[in-house]
Every structure is written in C-alpha cells, then in structure tokens.
Amino acid sequence: MEDTTADTIGPGFELAGLTKSFNGRPAADAVTLAVPRGCLMGLVGPNGAGKTTSLSMAVGLLRPDAGTARVLGVDVWERPEDAKRLLGVLPDGLALPERLTGGELLTYWGQLRGIDREIVRARTVELLRVLELDEAEKAGTLLIEYSTGMRKKIGLATALLHAPKVLVLDEPYEAVDPVSARVLTAILRRFAAAGGSVVISSHVMPLVEQVCERVAVIADGKVRADGTLAEVSGAGSLEDAFVTLVGQRSVAEEELTWLDS
C-alpha cells in the first residue's frame, strides 16, 4: 500500500544526525546525508567506518542513540510501518529461510507484506527470470544450495518485490558475476530514472564511479565528503580522493620481512 502522506518535494532519503555508540565508542557520529530523488548514491568507507551501522539505523534495523531518518519525509522511527512500505532493503549478512526455494521465499515475503496473491505470483516470475534465477527455481533448488552471488540476487528480489520508492543496498554486487552485474546496474538505473532513490554501500571504488552519480565518504563514524562524483573526486580518481580523506597506512620495510624468504 502506497503511503499517500509521503512528502512530494523533499529528498527521497535523509539521514539526520544519526548517532550510535557501542561500549562508549562512537560507531556513527551525527551522520547526516540527503539522497535526492532519482539519484544513485554510493556510500564508501574503510572497514569499521560506520557505514553498516548508519544504514541499519536509517532503515529501522538498529535504534539510534540520537537522530533519525526519513523516507520521502516519513520518519523511520516515528512511523516505521509507513516508512518501511516505501523502503526496499538488502542488509549486510541477510539471513534466509534455507529450506525454501527462491519462488517460495518471494511468495512468503509477499504474503507478509499483504500484497495480492496474483500480483506476488506475477512479480515473482518476472524477478526470477530477470535475475536469472528461474532455472534454479525449475530445478527446485533450495536457498541453502544457492551460491553467494545467487543469494545476493534473491535478496535484491525481496527488496524489489513490493515496488518501493527507496532502495538501500549493502554490497549488492558482492560475488555477482559480470553478466548479472550488468543486469543489476540496468535495474538500478531504471529505478532511479523513474524517480526512485538508491543508496549503495560498497568498498569497490571503480564500481561506485561507474554506477553512481553522487558519493559520500564515511570514516571514523563521520561523513568526510558528500557530493557529486566530480565534487568529491576532484581532478583525480575516487580512490585517490578516498585515500586522501581517510588516510593511508604504508607497510614499513622492517614489517613482514619473513615473506621475503
């Protein structure tokens, strides 16, 4: 069901001062971002930078110590049911019911969301075909038998099934083969062209440069840069800008010398 009270003019997705600490150590420090409608944004940062923590708070999976997030103006924490109707999420380490096929998972997912059975059936067939999971479905392949790349694709299918307005995807291209990656990129570009907002968390700088038009860099729980690719990258590559922003540790000559033998 579409939320008719959603904002019609503001950003598609907003993170507003999201803050979270674990054992007194900040994992996200007042993270603030605005993702325009019709935009593909890449979120990059080193391991432990706070990307997953920030996105988990933004989609309602982890309660923030402070701050909030809004989907088309709908507050994720004040109106979670309304916000989640508008959100499609591929979280980090998605747990799946292993003894179902991909089609059974999507059918179950659609029932949980209250989508009409015929709509679920039609969308399931189309998603499995487009994401090249239809042969596995015909063979009765269970999710426990899926490869890592196949699991990413079925996870994306669950995020798309209810026709959301905003997609938040954590490492969606991980372990996905080049052919499937092109299909995924085409889907995301079409989604954005129709006015949807997409956030992709990734460690792969060339991928972000190829797919996204905006980028935000997070390090030590803080947003270090946010803007178009040209604004963040400057005269060099995104990787160069990233290293400059987060710092680079080199290996000293006396370290790991035992590898030389």
Protein backbone atom coordinates (compact mmCIF):
# COMPACT_ATOMS: atom_id res chain seq x y z
CA MET A 1 0.00 0.00 0.00
CA GLU A 2 1.43 3.35 -1.01
CA ASP A 3 1.72 5.98 1.71
CA THR A 4 -0.21 8.95 0.34
CA THR A 5 1.12 11.21 3.10
CA ALA A 6 4.71 10.91 1.84
CA ASP A 7 6.46 14.18 1.03
CA THR A 8 6.25 15.01 -2.67
CA ILE A 9 9.05 17.59 -2.95
CA GLY A 10 11.84 16.82 -0.46
CA PRO A 11 14.76 14.38 -0.75
CA GLY A 12 13.99 10.74 -1.33
CA PHE A 13 16.02 9.59 1.67
CA GLU A 14 17.55 11.51 4.57
CA LEU A 15 19.86 10.59 7.42
CA ALA A 16 19.60 13.30 10.07
CA GLY A 17 22.22 13.34 12.83
CA LEU A 18 22.28 9.56 13.29
CA THR A 19 24.46 8.68 16.27
CA LYS A 20 25.35 5.35 17.85
CA SER A 21 27.97 4.19 20.36
CA PHE A 22 28.97 0.71 21.45
CA ASN A 23 30.71 0.35 24.84
CA GLY A 24 31.34 4.08 24.90
CA ARG A 25 32.95 4.14 21.46
CA PRO A 26 31.14 6.05 18.69
CA ALA A 27 30.31 3.97 15.62
CA ALA A 28 28.29 6.74 13.95
CA ASP A 29 28.74 10.37 14.91
CA ALA A 30 25.85 12.62 13.81
CA VAL A 31 25.78 11.13 10.30
CA THR A 32 23.76 13.43 8.03
CA LEU A 33 23.07 12.82 4.35
CA ALA A 34 20.37 13.69 1.83
CA VAL A 35 19.78 11.50 -1.21
CA PRO A 36 17.83 13.30 -3.97
CA ARG A 37 15.01 11.61 -5.82
CA GLY A 38 16.09 9.90 -9.00
CA CYS A 39 19.64 9.51 -7.69
CA LEU A 40 22.11 6.66 -7.33
CA MET A 41 24.39 7.41 -4.35
CA GLY A 42 27.43 5.40 -3.35
CA LEU A 43 28.42 5.18 0.32
CA VAL A 44 32.07 4.28 0.75
CA GLY A 45 34.43 3.98 3.68
CA PRO A 46 37.08 1.70 5.22
CA ASN A 47 36.18 -1.35 7.30
CA GLY A 48 34.65 -0.28 10.60
CA ALA A 49 33.94 3.23 9.31
CA GLY A 50 30.27 3.18 10.37
CA LYS A 51 28.59 2.54 7.01
CA THR A 52 26.59 -0.52 8.04
CA THR A 53 25.74 0.97 11.44
CA SER A 54 24.45 4.17 9.82
CA LEU A 55 22.38 2.35 7.22
CA SER A 56 20.99 -0.08 9.80
CA MET A 57 19.73 2.87 11.85
CA ALA A 58 18.40 4.60 8.74
CA VAL A 59 16.20 1.65 7.71
CA GLY A 60 14.91 0.78 11.18
CA LEU A 61 17.09 -2.25 11.97
CA LEU A 62 19.13 -0.60 14.75
CA ARG A 63 17.80 2.02 17.15
CA PRO A 64 19.95 5.18 17.16
CA ASP A 65 21.14 6.93 20.31
CA ALA A 66 20.20 10.20 18.61
CA GLY A 67 18.98 11.44 15.25
CA THR A 68 16.55 9.92 12.80
CA ALA A 69 15.98 9.08 9.14
CA ARG A 70 13.19 9.97 6.72
CA VAL A 71 11.91 8.23 3.60
CA LEU A 72 10.08 10.71 1.38
CA GLY A 73 9.60 12.78 4.50
CA VAL A 74 8.23 9.88 6.58
CA ASP A 75 10.16 9.44 9.83
CA VAL A 76 11.53 5.89 10.05
CA TRP A 77 11.34 5.79 13.84
CA GLU A 78 8.12 7.70 14.43
CA ARG A 79 6.15 5.94 11.66
CA PRO A 80 8.04 2.70 10.98
CA GLU A 81 5.23 0.87 9.18
CA ASP A 82 4.63 3.74 6.75
CA ALA A 83 8.36 4.21 6.15
CA LYS A 84 9.03 0.52 5.54
CA ARG A 85 6.33 0.37 2.88
CA LEU A 86 8.47 2.85 0.94
CA LEU A 87 11.80 1.12 1.62
CA GLY A 88 13.50 -1.81 -0.11
CA VAL A 89 16.48 -3.09 1.87
CA LEU A 90 19.31 -5.52 1.16
CA PRO A 91 21.10 -5.65 4.53
CA ASP A 92 24.54 -6.91 5.35
CA GLY A 93 24.51 -10.65 6.12
CA LEU A 94 20.87 -11.21 5.13
CA ALA A 95 19.56 -14.36 6.84
CA LEU A 96 17.33 -16.51 4.63
CA PRO A 97 14.99 -19.44 5.37
CA GLU A 98 17.26 -22.08 3.86
CA ARG A 99 14.67 -24.78 3.18
CA LEU A 100 12.63 -22.71 0.71
CA THR A 101 13.16 -22.17 -2.99
CA GLY A 102 13.58 -18.62 -4.28
CA GLY A 103 9.99 -18.58 -5.53
CA GLU A 104 8.66 -19.84 -2.20
CA LEU A 105 10.63 -17.14 -0.38
CA LEU A 106 9.16 -14.38 -2.57
CA THR A 107 5.65 -15.80 -2.17
CA TYR A 108 6.05 -15.85 1.61
CA TRP A 109 7.58 -12.35 1.56
CA GLY A 110 4.66 -11.01 -0.44
CA GLN A 111 2.15 -12.52 1.97
CA LEU A 112 3.94 -10.92 4.92
CA ARG A 113 3.62 -7.55 3.18
CA GLY A 114 -0.05 -8.08 2.41
CA ILE A 115 0.35 -7.93 -1.36
CA ASP A 116 -2.37 -9.50 -3.52
CA ARG A 117 -1.51 -13.13 -4.35
CA GLU A 118 -1.82 -12.69 -8.11
CA ILE A 119 0.46 -9.64 -8.03
CA VAL A 120 3.01 -11.58 -5.98
CA ARG A 121 2.85 -14.50 -8.39
CA ALA A 122 3.40 -12.32 -11.45
CA ARG A 123 6.21 -10.30 -9.86
CA THR A 124 7.92 -13.45 -8.58
CA VAL A 125 8.03 -15.00 -12.05
CA GLU A 126 9.39 -11.78 -13.55
CA LEU A 127 12.01 -11.19 -10.84
CA LEU A 128 13.31 -14.76 -11.03
CA ARG A 129 13.58 -14.51 -14.82
CA VAL A 130 15.25 -11.09 -14.92
CA LEU A 131 17.70 -12.01 -12.16
CA GLU A 132 18.47 -15.34 -13.85
CA LEU A 133 17.19 -17.48 -11.00
CA ASP A 134 14.37 -19.13 -12.96
CA GLU A 135 16.37 -22.23 -13.88
CA ALA A 136 17.22 -22.82 -10.22
CA GLU A 137 13.52 -22.47 -9.43
CA LYS A 138 12.55 -25.00 -12.11
CA ALA A 139 15.09 -27.42 -10.63
CA GLY A 140 13.64 -26.93 -7.15
CA THR A 141 16.94 -25.58 -5.82
CA LEU A 142 16.71 -24.62 -2.15
CA LEU A 143 18.24 -21.41 -0.81
CA ILE A 144 20.75 -23.44 1.19
CA GLU A 145 22.16 -24.60 -2.16
CA TYR A 146 22.41 -21.07 -3.60
CA SER A 147 25.85 -19.62 -4.31
CA THR A 148 26.85 -16.33 -2.68
CA GLY A 149 26.01 -14.43 -5.86
CA MET A 150 22.61 -16.12 -6.15
CA ARG A 151 21.84 -15.22 -2.54
CA LYS A 152 22.62 -11.58 -3.30
CA LYS A 153 20.22 -11.66 -6.23
CA ILE A 154 17.35 -13.28 -4.31
CA GLY A 155 17.96 -10.75 -1.54
CA LEU A 156 17.61 -7.97 -4.10
CA ALA A 157 14.39 -9.59 -5.33
CA THR A 158 12.91 -9.40 -1.82
CA ALA A 159 13.86 -5.70 -1.71
CA LEU A 160 12.12 -5.02 -5.05
CA LEU A 161 9.02 -7.18 -4.65
CA HIS A 162 6.74 -4.56 -3.09
CA ALA A 163 7.73 -1.78 -5.55
CA PRO A 164 9.49 0.53 -3.06
CA LYS A 165 10.44 4.16 -3.66
CA VAL A 166 13.87 3.97 -1.98
CA LEU A 167 16.46 1.17 -2.15
CA VAL A 168 19.22 0.75 0.45
CA LEU A 169 21.64 -1.94 -0.67
CA ASP A 170 24.68 -3.13 1.27
CA GLU A 171 27.31 -4.55 -1.12
CA PRO A 172 24.75 -5.63 -3.77
CA TYR A 173 27.45 -6.55 -6.33
CA GLU A 174 29.43 -8.80 -3.99
CA ALA A 175 30.14 -12.18 -5.64
CA VAL A 176 27.84 -11.32 -8.57
CA ASP A 177 29.23 -12.33 -11.98
CA PRO A 178 29.85 -9.62 -14.65
CA VAL A 179 26.80 -10.53 -16.75
CA SER A 180 24.47 -10.40 -13.74
CA ALA A 181 26.17 -7.19 -12.59
CA ARG A 182 25.16 -5.52 -15.86
CA VAL A 183 21.58 -6.63 -15.35
CA LEU A 184 21.64 -5.28 -11.79
CA THR A 185 23.03 -1.94 -12.97
CA ALA A 186 20.31 -1.67 -15.61
CA ILE A 187 17.63 -2.35 -12.98
CA LEU A 188 19.00 0.29 -10.61
CA ARG A 189 19.36 2.90 -13.34
CA ARG A 190 15.80 2.28 -14.48
CA PHE A 191 14.60 2.55 -10.88
CA ALA A 192 16.38 5.91 -10.46
CA ALA A 193 15.17 7.18 -13.85
CA ALA A 194 11.61 6.60 -12.64
CA GLY A 195 12.28 8.86 -9.63
CA GLY A 196 13.50 6.31 -7.08
CA SER A 197 16.43 6.89 -4.75
CA VAL A 198 19.20 4.30 -4.36
CA VAL A 199 21.98 4.05 -1.77
CA ILE A 200 24.73 1.51 -2.48
CA SER A 201 27.31 0.69 0.17
CA SER A 202 30.49 -0.67 -1.40
CA HIS A 203 34.25 -0.97 -0.98
CA VAL A 204 34.86 -1.10 -4.74
CA MET A 205 35.70 2.41 -5.93
CA PRO A 206 35.61 1.73 -9.71
CA LEU A 207 32.15 0.21 -9.28
CA VAL A 208 30.86 3.29 -7.47
CA GLU A 209 32.39 5.53 -10.15
CA GLN A 210 30.72 3.51 -12.88
CA VAL A 211 27.26 3.19 -11.32
CA CYS A 212 26.69 6.19 -9.04
CA GLU A 213 26.31 9.90 -9.71
CA ARG A 214 26.79 11.00 -6.11
CA VAL A 215 29.06 9.66 -3.39
CA ALA A 216 29.55 10.06 0.34
CA VAL A 217 32.71 9.05 2.20
CA ILE A 218 32.44 7.92 5.84
CA ALA A 219 35.42 7.39 8.14
CA ASP A 220 35.53 7.05 11.94
CA GLY A 221 31.76 7.39 12.04
CA LYS A 222 31.75 10.82 10.38
CA VAL A 223 30.82 11.98 6.89
CA ARG A 224 34.09 13.25 5.41
CA ALA A 225 32.75 14.19 1.97
CA ASP A 226 29.38 14.29 0.23
CA GLY A 227 28.57 15.46 -3.29
CA THR A 228 28.67 14.56 -6.95
CA LEU A 229 31.45 12.28 -8.15
CA ALA A 230 33.20 15.27 -9.71
CA GLU A 231 32.94 17.29 -6.49
CA VAL A 232 34.33 14.51 -4.30
CA SER A 233 36.94 13.14 -6.72
CA GLY A 234 38.31 16.50 -7.88
CA ALA A 235 40.97 16.18 -10.56
CA GLY A 236 41.84 12.57 -9.66
CA SER A 237 40.00 9.31 -9.17
CA LEU A 238 37.55 8.49 -6.41
CA GLU A 239 40.13 6.10 -4.96
CA ASP A 240 42.70 8.91 -4.76
CA ALA A 241 40.20 11.17 -3.03
CA PHE A 242 39.21 8.35 -0.68
CA VAL A 243 42.79 7.68 0.39
CA THR A 244 43.37 11.39 0.96
CA LEU A 245 40.25 11.67 3.11
CA VAL A 246 40.70 8.55 5.26
CA GLY A 247 44.48 8.27 5.26
CA GLN A 248 46.76 5.50 4.06
CA ARG A 249 48.98 3.30 6.16
CA SER A 250 52.06 2.02 4.34
CA VAL A 251 53.97 -1.14 5.21
CA ALA A 252 57.38 -0.29 6.65
CA GLU A 253 60.48 -2.04 5.28
CA GLU A 254 61.01 -3.92 8.54
CA GLU A 255 57.46 -5.35 8.60
CA LEU A 256 56.63 -8.84 7.25
CA THR A 257 60.21 -9.46 6.19
CA TRP A 258 59.63 -13.19 6.74
CA LEU A 259 57.62 -13.16 3.49
CA ASP A 260 60.76 -12.30 1.53
CA SER A 261 62.17 -15.77 2.10
